[in-house]
Amino acid sequence: MDAPSLQKLLDDIKTEIAAGNKINAIVLYRDATGAGLAEAKQAVELIAAGKPPPTGAAPTLPADAMQQVSALVAAGKKIDAIRAYRREAGVDLKDAKDAVDALEVRINPAAVAARDATMGQIRRFVVFAVLIAVGVVILIGLLTRA
């Protein structure tokens, strides 16, 4: 985000805070940065207190630690990669998962896309199966009343 749009965002957030619209300020921050709800709330509270919002930059790992995390991701050991990232970067679980997810997309975007497509198909199948089950229950209920 360039300096003028960052300043406009901060001005807009301060305006919303001054008007008593903290929720709108949080929404503005989330829309502009993609931050999660808790992170956006914390940033807006910092802005309201006259402090700068967090930079949002992910901690950088030493080269050897990044190689270890990358190797774990490439080997399909995502949970181990998240653990290693947390240990080396000293971040919480969500931040470590987000960082490893981003790394996974850079390392093997085709595998991530294929996994996401498969998960979409599974979700559609589950919804379809639930709808069929509900329909059968309704049909049985109607038939037993007759």
Protein backbone atom coordinates (compact mmCIF):
# COMPACT_ATOMS: atom_id res chain seq x y z
CA MET A 1 0.00 0.00 0.00
CA ASP A 2 1.54 3.35 -0.99
CA ALA A 3 1.90 6.25 1.45
CA PRO A 4 -1.08 8.37 0.24
CA SER A 5 -3.53 5.45 0.38
CA LEU A 6 -2.12 4.36 3.75
CA GLN A 7 -2.61 7.88 5.08
CA LYS A 8 -6.16 7.98 3.66
CA LEU A 9 -6.90 4.63 5.31
CA LEU A 10 -5.60 5.91 8.65
CA ASP A 11 -7.62 9.12 8.28
CA ASP A 12 -10.77 7.14 7.43
CA ILE A 13 -10.23 4.84 10.42
CA LYS A 14 -9.66 7.81 12.75
CA THR A 15 -12.84 9.42 11.41
CA GLU A 16 -14.85 6.26 12.13
CA ILE A 17 -13.34 5.99 15.62
CA ALA A 18 -14.13 9.65 16.36
CA ALA A 19 -17.72 9.06 15.23
CA GLY A 20 -18.00 6.12 17.61
CA ASN A 21 -18.04 3.55 14.81
CA LYS A 22 -15.31 1.21 15.97
CA ILE A 23 -16.82 -1.71 14.05
CA ASN A 24 -16.73 0.27 10.79
CA ALA A 25 -13.10 1.17 11.52
CA ILE A 26 -12.27 -2.51 12.00
CA VAL A 27 -14.05 -3.38 8.75
CA LEU A 28 -12.08 -0.68 6.90
CA TYR A 29 -8.81 -2.04 8.29
CA ARG A 30 -9.71 -5.65 7.42
CA ASP A 31 -10.78 -4.74 3.88
CA ALA A 32 -7.59 -2.80 3.24
CA THR A 33 -5.14 -5.26 4.78
CA GLY A 34 -6.79 -8.68 4.72
CA ALA A 35 -6.12 -8.96 8.46
CA GLY A 36 -8.12 -11.25 10.68
CA LEU A 37 -10.73 -9.90 13.08
CA ALA A 38 -8.53 -10.00 16.20
CA GLU A 39 -5.58 -8.44 14.38
CA ALA A 40 -7.78 -5.68 12.90
CA LYS A 41 -9.33 -4.95 16.31
CA GLN A 42 -5.89 -4.68 17.87
CA ALA A 43 -4.69 -2.38 15.07
CA VAL A 44 -7.73 -0.11 15.38
CA GLU A 45 -7.24 0.09 19.14
CA LEU A 46 -3.61 1.08 18.57
CA ILE A 47 -4.68 3.73 16.05
CA ALA A 48 -7.30 5.02 18.51
CA ALA A 49 -4.56 5.33 21.15
CA GLY A 50 -2.44 7.38 18.73
CA LYS A 51 0.03 4.60 18.06
CA PRO A 52 0.97 3.18 14.66
CA PRO A 53 -0.71 -0.04 13.58
CA PRO A 54 1.44 -3.19 13.36
CA THR A 55 3.45 -3.59 10.17
CA GLY A 56 2.12 -7.08 9.54
CA ALA A 57 5.47 -8.24 8.27
CA ALA A 58 6.08 -11.90 8.90
CA PRO A 59 9.16 -12.65 10.93
CA THR A 60 12.12 -13.69 8.84
CA LEU A 61 13.76 -16.98 9.64
CA PRO A 62 17.45 -17.74 9.42
CA ALA A 63 18.34 -19.42 6.12
CA ASP A 64 18.93 -22.85 7.68
CA ALA A 65 15.57 -22.74 9.52
CA MET A 66 13.78 -21.64 6.35
CA GLN A 67 15.40 -24.53 4.45
CA GLN A 68 14.21 -26.95 7.13
CA VAL A 69 10.65 -25.60 7.01
CA SER A 70 10.68 -25.64 3.19
CA ALA A 71 11.94 -29.23 3.16
CA LEU A 72 9.17 -30.29 5.53
CA VAL A 73 6.56 -28.57 3.35
CA ALA A 74 7.98 -30.19 0.21
CA ALA A 75 7.89 -33.60 1.94
CA GLY A 76 4.22 -33.14 2.77
CA LYS A 77 4.88 -32.78 6.51
CA LYS A 78 2.89 -29.60 6.95
CA ILE A 79 2.20 -30.00 10.67
CA ASP A 80 5.91 -30.53 11.36
CA ALA A 81 6.65 -27.47 9.20
CA ILE A 82 4.23 -25.37 11.25
CA ARG A 83 5.82 -26.61 14.49
CA ALA A 84 9.30 -25.78 13.19
CA TYR A 85 8.19 -22.34 12.01
CA ARG A 86 6.59 -21.60 15.40
CA ARG A 87 9.71 -22.71 17.23
CA GLU A 88 12.09 -20.69 15.05
CA ALA A 89 9.99 -17.54 14.59
CA GLY A 90 8.40 -17.43 18.03
CA VAL A 91 4.92 -16.78 16.64
CA ASP A 92 1.52 -18.18 17.54
CA LEU A 93 -0.13 -21.12 15.80
CA LYS A 94 -2.26 -19.05 13.42
CA ASP A 95 0.66 -16.92 12.23
CA ALA A 96 2.82 -20.01 11.74
CA LYS A 97 0.06 -21.78 9.78
CA ASP A 98 -0.49 -18.71 7.59
CA ALA A 99 3.24 -18.45 6.88
CA VAL A 100 3.55 -22.16 6.05
CA ASP A 101 0.43 -21.99 3.84
CA ALA A 102 1.99 -19.09 1.91
CA LEU A 103 5.25 -21.00 1.62
CA GLU A 104 3.39 -24.08 0.39
CA VAL A 105 1.75 -22.03 -2.36
CA ARG A 106 5.16 -20.77 -3.48
CA ILE A 107 6.78 -24.22 -3.36
CA ASN A 108 4.06 -26.24 -5.06
CA PRO A 109 1.13 -24.20 -6.36
CA ALA A 110 -0.22 -27.05 -8.51
CA ALA A 111 -0.53 -29.38 -5.50
CA VAL A 112 -2.30 -26.69 -3.48
CA ALA A 113 -4.72 -26.02 -6.34
CA ALA A 114 -5.41 -29.75 -6.76
CA ARG A 115 -5.99 -30.18 -3.01
CA ASP A 116 -8.34 -27.19 -2.94
CA ALA A 117 -10.28 -28.56 -5.93
CA THR A 118 -10.59 -31.96 -4.25
CA MET A 119 -11.82 -30.35 -1.03
CA GLY A 120 -14.40 -28.42 -3.04
CA GLN A 121 -15.65 -31.65 -4.60
CA ILE A 122 -15.84 -33.32 -1.18
CA ARG A 123 -17.79 -30.38 0.25
CA ARG A 124 -20.27 -30.51 -2.64
CA PHE A 125 -20.68 -34.28 -2.16
CA VAL A 126 -21.31 -33.88 1.59
CA VAL A 127 -23.91 -31.15 0.99
CA PHE A 128 -25.60 -33.31 -1.64
CA ALA A 129 -25.61 -36.35 0.71
CA VAL A 130 -27.07 -34.29 3.56
CA LEU A 131 -29.80 -32.93 1.29
CA ILE A 132 -30.69 -36.47 0.19
CA ALA A 133 -30.79 -37.65 3.81
CA VAL A 134 -33.03 -34.76 4.81
CA GLY A 135 -35.29 -35.47 1.85
CA VAL A 136 -35.58 -39.14 2.81
CA VAL A 137 -36.43 -38.23 6.41
CA ILE A 138 -39.10 -35.79 5.24
CA LEU A 139 -40.50 -38.38 2.81
CA ILE A 140 -40.66 -41.04 5.53
CA GLY A 141 -42.35 -38.55 7.84
CA LEU A 142 -44.97 -37.74 5.21
CA LEU A 143 -45.59 -41.41 4.40
CA THR A 144 -46.01 -42.41 8.02
CA ARG A 145 -48.63 -39.69 8.61
CA ALA A 146 -50.77 -40.89 5.76
